[in-house]
Amino acid sequence: MMPVQISIILSAGSLIWGVGSWLLVIFAIVTSQTIKSHRNTILSFVSCAASLILQLFEISNRVNIGDYAAIEDTIKAVLIAAIVLVAVTVTLNITAFVKVKKKQK
């Protein structure tokens, strides 16, 4: 497989896992079943981690092909996206946790 194709797969996979982490926790917030809420919050964090790992593989791929200019051009956007991904995932998961705790009372 060509390095560009690998790069597209890694970037698309990272985006899919990142959006999936948000969707899972949103489902956890709207569901009425506590066990599904807990499962979805755990899967949300796993999806967030998978998204970040794929970004690390993407950076590694760029290093392996010697495309340092691409890393220099995109690293700030990748850092901001990673911060937003983690911050939103944690915030949504805290919201789901609070919802479940209120429901148990």
PDB file of N, CA and C in Angstrom:
ATOM      1  N   MET A   1       0.848  -1.182   0.000  1.00  0.00           N
ATOM      2  CA  MET A   1       0.000   0.000   0.000  1.00  0.00           C
ATOM      3  C   MET A   1       0.888   1.238   0.000  1.00  0.00           C
ATOM      4  N   MET A   2       0.488   2.236  -0.735  1.00  0.00           N
ATOM      5  CA  MET A   2       1.284   3.456  -0.832  1.00  0.00           C
ATOM      6  C   MET A   2       1.120   4.291   0.435  1.00  0.00           C
ATOM      7  N   PRO A   3       2.161   5.065   0.794  1.00  0.00           N
ATOM      8  CA  PRO A   3       2.087   5.875   2.012  1.00  0.00           C
ATOM      9  C   PRO A   3       0.917   6.849   2.036  1.00  0.00           C
ATOM     10  N   VAL A   4       0.527   7.369   0.884  1.00  0.00           N
ATOM     11  CA  VAL A   4      -0.592   8.315   0.842  1.00  0.00           C
ATOM     12  C   VAL A   4      -1.889   7.595   1.186  1.00  0.00           C
ATOM     13  N   GLN A   5      -2.065   6.380   0.682  1.00  0.00           N
ATOM     14  CA  GLN A   5      -3.256   5.602   0.991  1.00  0.00           C
ATOM     15  C   GLN A   5      -3.314   5.276   2.481  1.00  0.00           C
ATOM     16  N   ILE A   6      -2.188   4.921   3.060  1.00  0.00           N
ATOM     17  CA  ILE A   6      -2.130   4.640   4.493  1.00  0.00           C
ATOM     18  C   ILE A   6      -2.499   5.892   5.271  1.00  0.00           C
ATOM     19  N   SER A   7      -1.999   7.030   4.833  1.00  0.00           N
ATOM     20  CA  SER A   7      -2.291   8.295   5.495  1.00  0.00           C
ATOM     21  C   SER A   7      -3.783   8.600   5.465  1.00  0.00           C
ATOM     22  N   ILE A   8      -4.423   8.352   4.339  1.00  0.00           N
ATOM     23  CA  ILE A   8      -5.867   8.589   4.223  1.00  0.00           C
ATOM     24  C   ILE A   8      -6.631   7.653   5.151  1.00  0.00           C
ATOM     25  N   ILE A   9      -6.246   6.402   5.185  1.00  0.00           N
ATOM     26  CA  ILE A   9      -6.912   5.428   6.047  1.00  0.00           C
ATOM     27  C   ILE A   9      -6.747   5.802   7.513  1.00  0.00           C
ATOM     28  N   LEU A  10      -5.546   6.183   7.907  1.00  0.00           N
ATOM     29  CA  LEU A  10      -5.307   6.546   9.304  1.00  0.00           C
ATOM     30  C   LEU A  10      -6.077   7.811   9.694  1.00  0.00           C
ATOM     31  N   SER A  11      -6.094   8.800   8.822  1.00  0.00           N
ATOM     32  CA  SER A  11      -6.811  10.037   9.119  1.00  0.00           C
ATOM     33  C   SER A  11      -8.314   9.809   9.180  1.00  0.00           C
ATOM     34  N   ALA A  12      -8.846   9.067   8.222  1.00  0.00           N
ATOM     35  CA  ALA A  12     -10.285   8.767   8.219  1.00  0.00           C
ATOM     36  C   ALA A  12     -10.658   7.927   9.436  1.00  0.00           C
ATOM     37  N   GLY A  13      -9.829   6.951   9.749  1.00  0.00           N
ATOM     38  CA  GLY A  13     -10.095   6.118  10.924  1.00  0.00           C
ATOM     39  C   GLY A  13     -10.079   6.926  12.206  1.00  0.00           C
ATOM     40  N   SER A  14      -9.147   7.845  12.315  1.00  0.00           N
ATOM     41  CA  SER A  14      -9.072   8.698  13.492  1.00  0.00           C
ATOM     42  C   SER A  14     -10.322   9.556  13.623  1.00  0.00           C
ATOM     43  N   LEU A  15     -10.767  10.106  12.513  1.00  0.00           N
ATOM     44  CA  LEU A  15     -11.982  10.930  12.516  1.00  0.00           C
ATOM     45  C   LEU A  15     -13.207  10.097  12.898  1.00  0.00           C
ATOM     46  N   ILE A  16     -13.320   8.920  12.341  1.00  0.00           N
ATOM     47  CA  ILE A  16     -14.464   8.043  12.633  1.00  0.00           C
ATOM     48  C   ILE A  16     -14.479   7.646  14.106  1.00  0.00           C
ATOM     49  N   TRP A  17     -13.326   7.243  14.640  1.00  0.00           N
ATOM     50  CA  TRP A  17     -13.258   6.857  16.064  1.00  0.00           C
ATOM     51  C   TRP A  17     -13.556   8.055  16.964  1.00  0.00           C
ATOM     52  N   GLY A  18     -13.085   9.244  16.585  1.00  0.00           N
ATOM     53  CA  GLY A  18     -13.335  10.439  17.388  1.00  0.00           C
ATOM     54  C   GLY A  18     -14.804  10.806  17.438  1.00  0.00           C
ATOM     55  N   VAL A  19     -15.443  10.823  16.279  1.00  0.00           N
ATOM     56  CA  VAL A  19     -16.881  11.112  16.239  1.00  0.00           C
ATOM     57  C   VAL A  19     -17.646  10.004  16.955  1.00  0.00           C
ATOM     58  N   GLY A  20     -17.193   8.767  16.783  1.00  0.00           N
ATOM     59  CA  GLY A  20     -17.830   7.650  17.477  1.00  0.00           C
ATOM     60  C   GLY A  20     -17.765   7.783  18.988  1.00  0.00           C
ATOM     61  N   SER A  21     -16.666   8.316  19.496  1.00  0.00           N
ATOM     62  CA  SER A  21     -16.552   8.482  20.952  1.00  0.00           C
ATOM     63  C   SER A  21     -17.597   9.464  21.464  1.00  0.00           C
ATOM     64  N   TRP A  22     -17.894  10.500  20.685  1.00  0.00           N
ATOM     65  CA  TRP A  22     -18.920  11.466  21.085  1.00  0.00           C
ATOM     66  C   TRP A  22     -20.313  10.863  20.951  1.00  0.00           C
ATOM     67  N   LEU A  23     -20.555  10.134  19.871  1.00  0.00           N
ATOM     68  CA  LEU A  23     -21.875   9.535  19.674  1.00  0.00           C
ATOM     69  C   LEU A  23     -22.197   8.508  20.761  1.00  0.00           C
ATOM     70  N   LEU A  24     -21.211   7.714  21.128  1.00  0.00           N
ATOM     71  CA  LEU A  24     -21.439   6.711  22.170  1.00  0.00           C
ATOM     72  C   LEU A  24     -21.854   7.350  23.486  1.00  0.00           C
ATOM     73  N   VAL A  25     -21.182   8.421  23.874  1.00  0.00           N
ATOM     74  CA  VAL A  25     -21.515   9.053  25.147  1.00  0.00           C
ATOM     75  C   VAL A  25     -22.835   9.823  25.040  1.00  0.00           C
ATOM     76  N   ILE A  26     -23.158  10.336  23.868  1.00  0.00           N
ATOM     77  CA  ILE A  26     -24.469  10.972  23.700  1.00  0.00           C
ATOM     78  C   ILE A  26     -25.572   9.928  23.856  1.00  0.00           C
ATOM     79  N   PHE A  27     -25.359   8.742  23.303  1.00  0.00           N
ATOM     80  CA  PHE A  27     -26.312   7.650  23.515  1.00  0.00           C
ATOM     81  C   PHE A  27     -26.392   7.287  24.992  1.00  0.00           C
ATOM     82  N   ALA A  28     -25.272   7.361  25.689  1.00  0.00           N
ATOM     83  CA  ALA A  28     -25.270   7.077  27.129  1.00  0.00           C
ATOM     84  C   ALA A  28     -26.094   8.107  27.887  1.00  0.00           C
ATOM     85  N   ILE A  29     -26.066   9.336  27.436  1.00  0.00           N
ATOM     86  CA  ILE A  29     -26.827  10.392  28.108  1.00  0.00           C
ATOM     87  C   ILE A  29     -28.331  10.219  27.864  1.00  0.00           C
ATOM     88  N   VAL A  30     -28.707   9.866  26.648  1.00  0.00           N
ATOM     89  CA  VAL A  30     -30.132   9.794  26.319  1.00  0.00           C
ATOM     90  C   VAL A  30     -30.785   8.460  26.675  1.00  0.00           C
ATOM     91  N   THR A  31     -29.992   7.428  26.930  1.00  0.00           N
ATOM     92  CA  THR A  31     -30.578   6.131  27.261  1.00  0.00           C
ATOM     93  C   THR A  31     -31.115   6.132  28.681  1.00  0.00           C
ATOM     94  N   SER A  32     -32.112   5.313  28.905  1.00  0.00           N
ATOM     95  CA  SER A  32     -32.703   5.237  30.240  1.00  0.00           C
ATOM     96  C   SER A  32     -32.155   4.062  31.045  1.00  0.00           C
ATOM     97  N   GLN A  33     -31.375   3.199  30.422  1.00  0.00           N
ATOM     98  CA  GLN A  33     -30.840   2.034  31.108  1.00  0.00           C
ATOM     99  C   GLN A  33     -29.425   2.313  31.608  1.00  0.00           C
ATOM    100  N   THR A  34     -29.238   2.124  32.912  1.00  0.00           N
ATOM    101  CA  THR A  34     -27.963   2.437  33.544  1.00  0.00           C
ATOM    102  C   THR A  34     -26.822   1.588  32.999  1.00  0.00           C
ATOM    103  N   ILE A  35     -27.053   0.284  32.802  1.00  0.00           N
ATOM    104  CA  ILE A  35     -25.976  -0.595  32.347  1.00  0.00           C
ATOM    105  C   ILE A  35     -25.509  -0.204  30.946  1.00  0.00           C
ATOM    106  N   LYS A  36     -26.433   0.189  30.075  1.00  0.00           N
ATOM    107  CA  LYS A  36     -26.038   0.635  28.738  1.00  0.00           C
ATOM    108  C   LYS A  36     -25.284   1.959  28.816  1.00  0.00           C
ATOM    109  N   SER A  37     -25.666   2.795  29.743  1.00  0.00           N
ATOM    110  CA  SER A  37     -24.987   4.069  29.932  1.00  0.00           C
ATOM    111  C   SER A  37     -23.537   3.845  30.352  1.00  0.00           C
ATOM    112  N   HIS A  38     -23.326   2.931  31.306  1.00  0.00           N
ATOM    113  CA  HIS A  38     -21.961   2.627  31.750  1.00  0.00           C
ATOM    114  C   HIS A  38     -21.132   2.023  30.618  1.00  0.00           C
ATOM    115  N   ARG A  39     -21.731   1.104  29.887  1.00  0.00           N
ATOM    116  CA  ARG A  39     -21.016   0.464  28.777  1.00  0.00           C
ATOM    117  C   ARG A  39     -20.619   1.501  27.733  1.00  0.00           C
ATOM    118  N   ASN A  40     -21.554   2.393  27.402  1.00  0.00           N
ATOM    119  CA  ASN A  40     -21.270   3.394  26.375  1.00  0.00           C
ATOM    120  C   ASN A  40     -20.209   4.397  26.810  1.00  0.00           C
ATOM    121  N   THR A  41     -20.170   4.739  28.096  1.00  0.00           N
ATOM    122  CA  THR A  41     -19.132   5.672  28.540  1.00  0.00           C
ATOM    123  C   THR A  41     -17.749   5.023  28.463  1.00  0.00           C
ATOM    124  N   ILE A  42     -17.668   3.757  28.814  1.00  0.00           N
ATOM    125  CA  ILE A  42     -16.383   3.052  28.706  1.00  0.00           C
ATOM    126  C   ILE A  42     -15.963   2.959  27.245  1.00  0.00           C
ATOM    127  N   LEU A  43     -16.897   2.575  26.381  1.00  0.00           N
ATOM    128  CA  LEU A  43     -16.589   2.490  24.951  1.00  0.00           C
ATOM    129  C   LEU A  43     -16.232   3.857  24.368  1.00  0.00           C
ATOM    130  N   SER A  44     -16.810   4.906  24.927  1.00  0.00           N
ATOM    131  CA  SER A  44     -16.491   6.257  24.482  1.00  0.00           C
ATOM    132  C   SER A  44     -15.025   6.589  24.732  1.00  0.00           C
ATOM    133  N   PHE A  45     -14.537   6.272  25.928  1.00  0.00           N
ATOM    134  CA  PHE A  45     -13.127   6.523  26.234  1.00  0.00           C
ATOM    135  C   PHE A  45     -12.208   5.650  25.385  1.00  0.00           C
ATOM    136  N   VAL A  46     -12.618   4.409  25.130  1.00  0.00           N
ATOM    137  CA  VAL A  46     -11.826   3.522  24.275  1.00  0.00           C
ATOM    138  C   VAL A  46     -11.753   4.079  22.860  1.00  0.00           C
ATOM    139  N   SER A  47     -12.872   4.568  22.346  1.00  0.00           N
ATOM    140  CA  SER A  47     -12.897   5.160  21.004  1.00  0.00           C
ATOM    141  C   SER A  47     -12.030   6.417  20.923  1.00  0.00           C
ATOM    142  N   CYS A  48     -12.074   7.216  21.977  1.00  0.00           N
ATOM    143  CA  CYS A  48     -11.238   8.422  22.030  1.00  0.00           C
ATOM    144  C   CYS A  48      -9.755   8.031  21.992  1.00  0.00           C
ATOM    145  N   ALA A  49      -9.394   7.024  22.763  1.00  0.00           N
ATOM    146  CA  ALA A  49      -8.003   6.557  22.778  1.00  0.00           C
ATOM    147  C   ALA A  49      -7.599   6.001  21.412  1.00  0.00           C
ATOM    148  N   ALA A  50      -8.489   5.248  20.777  1.00  0.00           N
ATOM    149  CA  ALA A  50      -8.191   4.697  19.454  1.00  0.00           C
ATOM    150  C   ALA A  50      -7.966   5.813  18.436  1.00  0.00           C
ATOM    151  N   SER A  51      -8.763   6.859  18.518  1.00  0.00           N
ATOM    152  CA  SER A  51      -8.604   8.003  17.617  1.00  0.00           C
ATOM    153  C   SER A  51      -7.232   8.655  17.792  1.00  0.00           C
ATOM    154  N   LEU A  52      -6.838   8.849  19.042  1.00  0.00           N
ATOM    155  CA  LEU A  52      -5.534   9.472  19.306  1.00  0.00           C
ATOM    156  C   LEU A  52      -4.381   8.570  18.882  1.00  0.00           C
ATOM    157  N   ILE A  53      -4.533   7.268  19.077  1.00  0.00           N
ATOM    158  CA  ILE A  53      -3.483   6.323  18.665  1.00  0.00           C
ATOM    159  C   ILE A  53      -3.327   6.330  17.147  1.00  0.00           C
ATOM    160  N   LEU A  54      -4.442   6.392  16.436  1.00  0.00           N
ATOM    161  CA  LEU A  54      -4.341   6.452  14.975  1.00  0.00           C
ATOM    162  C   LEU A  54      -3.627   7.730  14.520  1.00  0.00           C
ATOM    163  N   GLN A  55      -3.812   8.823  15.236  1.00  0.00           N
ATOM    164  CA  GLN A  55      -3.086  10.048  14.903  1.00  0.00           C
ATOM    165  C   GLN A  55      -1.582   9.874  15.129  1.00  0.00           C
ATOM    166  N   LEU A  56      -1.225   9.162  16.187  1.00  0.00           N
ATOM    167  CA  LEU A  56       0.199   8.880  16.418  1.00  0.00           C
ATOM    168  C   LEU A  56       0.779   8.025  15.301  1.00  0.00           C
ATOM    169  N   PHE A  57       0.008   7.035  14.835  1.00  0.00           N
ATOM    170  CA  PHE A  57       0.457   6.226  13.701  1.00  0.00           C
ATOM    171  C   PHE A  57       0.585   7.081  12.442  1.00  0.00           C
ATOM    172  N   GLU A  58      -0.308   8.038  12.268  1.00  0.00           N
ATOM    173  CA  GLU A  58      -0.233   8.935  11.113  1.00  0.00           C
ATOM    174  C   GLU A  58       1.053   9.769  11.162  1.00  0.00           C
ATOM    175  N   ILE A  59       1.380  10.298  12.319  1.00  0.00           N
ATOM    176  CA  ILE A  59       2.617  11.071  12.465  1.00  0.00           C
ATOM    177  C   ILE A  59       3.823  10.168  12.213  1.00  0.00           C
ATOM    178  N   SER A  60       3.791   8.954  12.748  1.00  0.00           N
ATOM    179  CA  SER A  60       4.868   7.995  12.518  1.00  0.00           C
ATOM    180  C   SER A  60       5.006   7.675  11.034  1.00  0.00           C
ATOM    181  N   ASN A  61       3.892   7.518  10.347  1.00  0.00           N
ATOM    182  CA  ASN A  61       3.915   7.258   8.908  1.00  0.00           C
ATOM    183  C   ASN A  61       4.580   8.413   8.169  1.00  0.00           C
ATOM    184  N   ARG A  62       4.251   9.638   8.566  1.00  0.00           N
ATOM    185  CA  ARG A  62       4.863  10.813   7.924  1.00  0.00           C
ATOM    186  C   ARG A  62       6.375  10.846   8.171  1.00  0.00           C
ATOM    187  N   VAL A  63       6.788  10.470   9.362  1.00  0.00           N
ATOM    188  CA  VAL A  63       8.221  10.420   9.662  1.00  0.00           C
ATOM    189  C   VAL A  63       8.902   9.351   8.803  1.00  0.00           C
ATOM    190  N   ASN A  64       8.271   8.191   8.698  1.00  0.00           N
ATOM    191  CA  ASN A  64       8.858   7.092   7.921  1.00  0.00           C
ATOM    192  C   ASN A  64       9.039   7.435   6.452  1.00  0.00           C
ATOM    193  N   ILE A  65       8.138   8.238   5.890  1.00  0.00           N
ATOM    194  CA  ILE A  65       8.291   8.612   4.483  1.00  0.00           C
ATOM    195  C   ILE A  65       9.062   9.914   4.313  1.00  0.00           C
ATOM    196  N   GLY A  66       9.459  10.518   5.439  1.00  0.00           N
ATOM    197  CA  GLY A  66      10.278  11.727   5.386  1.00  0.00           C
ATOM    198  C   GLY A  66       9.518  12.985   5.045  1.00  0.00           C
ATOM    199  N   ASP A  67       8.225  12.992   5.290  1.00  0.00           N
ATOM    200  CA  ASP A  67       7.390  14.151   4.966  1.00  0.00           C
ATOM    201  C   ASP A  67       7.291  15.078   6.186  1.00  0.00           C
ATOM    202  N   TYR A  68       8.427  15.662   6.543  1.00  0.00           N
ATOM    203  CA  TYR A  68       8.487  16.516   7.732  1.00  0.00           C
ATOM    204  C   TYR A  68       7.719  17.824   7.528  1.00  0.00           C
ATOM    205  N   ALA A  69       7.615  18.284   6.315  1.00  0.00           N
ATOM    206  CA  ALA A  69       6.875  19.517   6.039  1.00  0.00           C
ATOM    207  C   ALA A  69       5.394  19.334   6.374  1.00  0.00           C
ATOM    208  N   ALA A  70       4.860  18.152   6.072  1.00  0.00           N
ATOM    209  CA  ALA A  70       3.452  17.881   6.395  1.00  0.00           C
ATOM    210  C   ALA A  70       3.235  17.875   7.903  1.00  0.00           C
ATOM    211  N   ILE A  71       4.189  17.338   8.628  1.00  0.00           N
ATOM    212  CA  ILE A  71       4.081  17.329  10.095  1.00  0.00           C
ATOM    213  C   ILE A  71       4.125  18.765  10.612  1.00  0.00           C
ATOM    214  N   GLU A  72       5.072  19.553  10.103  1.00  0.00           N
ATOM    215  CA  GLU A  72       5.183  20.947  10.535  1.00  0.00           C
ATOM    216  C   GLU A  72       3.921  21.740  10.215  1.00  0.00           C
ATOM    217  N   ASP A  73       3.308  21.454   9.074  1.00  0.00           N
ATOM    218  CA  ASP A  73       2.113  22.191   8.655  1.00  0.00           C
ATOM    219  C   ASP A  73       0.871  21.818   9.464  1.00  0.00           C
ATOM    220  N   THR A  74       0.804  20.593   9.931  1.00  0.00           N
ATOM    221  CA  THR A  74      -0.438  20.100  10.545  1.00  0.00           C
ATOM    222  C   THR A  74      -0.377  19.864  12.041  1.00  0.00           C
ATOM    223  N   ILE A  75       0.787  19.919  12.653  1.00  0.00           N
ATOM    224  CA  ILE A  75       0.912  19.509  14.049  1.00  0.00           C
ATOM    225  C   ILE A  75       0.081  20.375  14.995  1.00  0.00           C
ATOM    226  N   LYS A  76       0.003  21.682  14.734  1.00  0.00           N
ATOM    227  CA  LYS A  76      -0.801  22.538  15.617  1.00  0.00           C
ATOM    228  C   LYS A  76      -2.280  22.182  15.524  1.00  0.00           C
ATOM    229  N   ALA A  77      -2.765  21.934  14.319  1.00  0.00           N
ATOM    230  CA  ALA A  77      -4.168  21.535  14.144  1.00  0.00           C
ATOM    231  C   ALA A  77      -4.434  20.182  14.799  1.00  0.00           C
ATOM    232  N   VAL A  78      -3.480  19.274  14.695  1.00  0.00           N
ATOM    233  CA  VAL A  78      -3.635  17.957  15.329  1.00  0.00           C
ATOM    234  C   VAL A  78      -3.687  18.109  16.844  1.00  0.00           C
ATOM    235  N   LEU A  79      -2.836  18.956  17.401  1.00  0.00           N
ATOM    236  CA  LEU A  79      -2.848  19.181  18.850  1.00  0.00           C
ATOM    237  C   LEU A  79      -4.160  19.799  19.308  1.00  0.00           C
ATOM    238  N   ILE A  80      -4.638  20.793  18.583  1.00  0.00           N
ATOM    239  CA  ILE A  80      -5.909  21.423  18.949  1.00  0.00           C
ATOM    240  C   ILE A  80      -7.053  20.423  18.845  1.00  0.00           C
ATOM    241  N   ALA A  81      -7.074  19.641  17.772  1.00  0.00           N
ATOM    242  CA  ALA A  81      -8.121  18.631  17.600  1.00  0.00           C
ATOM    243  C   ALA A  81      -8.074  17.590  18.714  1.00  0.00           C
ATOM    244  N   ALA A  82      -6.873  17.185  19.120  1.00  0.00           N
ATOM    245  CA  ALA A  82      -6.740  16.207  20.202  1.00  0.00           C
ATOM    246  C   ALA A  82      -7.251  16.778  21.522  1.00  0.00           C
ATOM    247  N   ILE A  83      -6.920  18.029  21.788  1.00  0.00           N
ATOM    248  CA  ILE A  83      -7.388  18.678  23.017  1.00  0.00           C
ATOM    249  C   ILE A  83      -8.908  18.784  23.020  1.00  0.00           C
ATOM    250  N   VAL A  84      -9.485  19.200  21.891  1.00  0.00           N
ATOM    251  CA  VAL A  84     -10.940  19.318  21.795  1.00  0.00           C
ATOM    252  C   VAL A  84     -11.593  17.946  21.938  1.00  0.00           C
ATOM    253  N   LEU A  85     -11.036  16.935  21.288  1.00  0.00           N
ATOM    254  CA  LEU A  85     -11.583  15.583  21.377  1.00  0.00           C
ATOM    255  C   LEU A  85     -11.631  15.100  22.817  1.00  0.00           C
ATOM    256  N   VAL A  86     -10.526  15.224  23.522  1.00  0.00           N
ATOM    257  CA  VAL A  86     -10.463  14.754  24.906  1.00  0.00           C
ATOM    258  C   VAL A  86     -11.362  15.602  25.812  1.00  0.00           C
ATOM    259  N   ALA A  87     -11.331  16.910  25.641  1.00  0.00           N
ATOM    260  CA  ALA A  87     -12.135  17.790  26.498  1.00  0.00           C
ATOM    261  C   ALA A  87     -13.633  17.527  26.328  1.00  0.00           C
ATOM    262  N   VAL A  88     -14.082  17.413  25.095  1.00  0.00           N
ATOM    263  CA  VAL A  88     -15.507  17.162  24.857  1.00  0.00           C
ATOM    264  C   VAL A  88     -15.896  15.770  25.338  1.00  0.00           C
ATOM    265  N   THR A  89     -15.042  14.780  25.091  1.00  0.00           N
ATOM    266  CA  THR A  89     -15.339  13.418  25.540  1.00  0.00           C
ATOM    267  C   THR A  89     -15.445  13.360  27.052  1.00  0.00           C
ATOM    268  N   VAL A  90     -14.510  13.972  27.751  1.00  0.00           N
ATOM    269  CA  VAL A  90     -14.549  13.971  29.220  1.00  0.00           C
ATOM    270  C   VAL A  90     -15.777  14.727  29.728  1.00  0.00           C
ATOM    271  N   THR A  91     -16.059  15.882  29.142  1.00  0.00           N
ATOM    272  CA  THR A  91     -17.224  16.665  29.567  1.00  0.00           C
ATOM    273  C   THR A  91     -18.524  15.891  29.362  1.00  0.00           C
ATOM    274  N   LEU A  92     -18.680  15.277  28.206  1.00  0.00           N
ATOM    275  CA  LEU A  92     -19.885  14.489  27.951  1.00  0.00           C
ATOM    276  C   LEU A  92     -19.976  13.282  28.879  1.00  0.00           C
ATOM    277  N   ASN A  93     -18.851  12.648  29.163  1.00  0.00           N
ATOM    278  CA  ASN A  93     -18.867  11.496  30.063  1.00  0.00           C
ATOM    279  C   ASN A  93     -19.199  11.916  31.497  1.00  0.00           C
ATOM    280  N   ILE A  94     -18.732  13.073  31.919  1.00  0.00           N
ATOM    281  CA  ILE A  94     -19.106  13.581  33.246  1.00  0.00           C
ATOM    282  C   ILE A  94     -20.601  13.858  33.285  1.00  0.00           C
ATOM    283  N   THR A  95     -21.131  14.415  32.208  1.00  0.00           N
ATOM    284  CA  THR A  95     -22.568  14.661  32.118  1.00  0.00           C
ATOM    285  C   THR A  95     -23.347  13.356  32.226  1.00  0.00           C
ATOM    286  N   ALA A  96     -22.894  12.330  31.533  1.00  0.00           N
ATOM    287  CA  ALA A  96     -23.560  11.023  31.600  1.00  0.00           C
ATOM    288  C   ALA A  96     -23.469  10.446  33.007  1.00  0.00           C
ATOM    289  N   PHE A  97     -22.326  10.597  33.654  1.00  0.00           N
ATOM    290  CA  PHE A  97     -22.138  10.090  35.014  1.00  0.00           C
ATOM    291  C   PHE A  97     -23.086  10.781  35.993  1.00  0.00           C
ATOM    292  N   VAL A  98     -23.179  12.099  35.879  1.00  0.00           N
ATOM    293  CA  VAL A  98     -24.073  12.868  36.757  1.00  0.00           C
ATOM    294  C   VAL A  98     -25.524  12.453  36.520  1.00  0.00           C
ATOM    295  N   LYS A  99     -25.905  12.256  35.269  1.00  0.00           N
ATOM    296  CA  LYS A  99     -27.269  11.834  34.944  1.00  0.00           C
ATOM    297  C   LYS A  99     -27.595  10.492  35.589  1.00  0.00           C
ATOM    298  N   VAL A 100     -26.663   9.536  35.495  1.00  0.00           N
ATOM    299  CA  VAL A 100     -26.889   8.221  36.086  1.00  0.00           C
ATOM    300  C   VAL A 100     -26.986   8.324  37.614  1.00  0.00           C
ATOM    301  N   LYS A 101     -26.133   9.128  38.219  1.00  0.00           N
ATOM    302  CA  LYS A 101     -26.178   9.296  39.684  1.00  0.00           C
ATOM    303  C   LYS A 101     -27.496   9.916  40.124  1.00  0.00           C
ATOM    304  N   LYS A 102     -28.003  10.890  39.376  1.00  0.00           N
ATOM    305  CA  LYS A 102     -29.283  11.508  39.733  1.00  0.00           C
ATOM    306  C   LYS A 102     -30.423  10.506  39.588  1.00  0.00           C
ATOM    307  N   LYS A 103     -30.320   9.634  38.573  1.00  0.00           N
ATOM    308  CA  LYS A 103     -31.351   8.645  38.348  1.00  0.00           C
ATOM    309  C   LYS A 103     -31.385   7.595  39.462  1.00  0.00           C
ATOM    310  N   GLN A 104     -30.227   7.311  40.054  1.00  0.00           N
ATOM    311  CA  GLN A 104     -30.141   6.303  41.122  1.00  0.00           C
ATOM    312  C   GLN A 104     -30.687   6.811  42.440  1.00  0.00           C
ATOM    313  N   LYS A 105     -30.812   8.117  42.617  1.00  0.00           N
ATOM    314  CA  LYS A 105     -31.313   8.674  43.863  1.00  0.00           C
ATOM    315  C   LYS A 105     -32.801   8.597  43.967  1.00  0.00           C
TER     316      LYS A 105
END
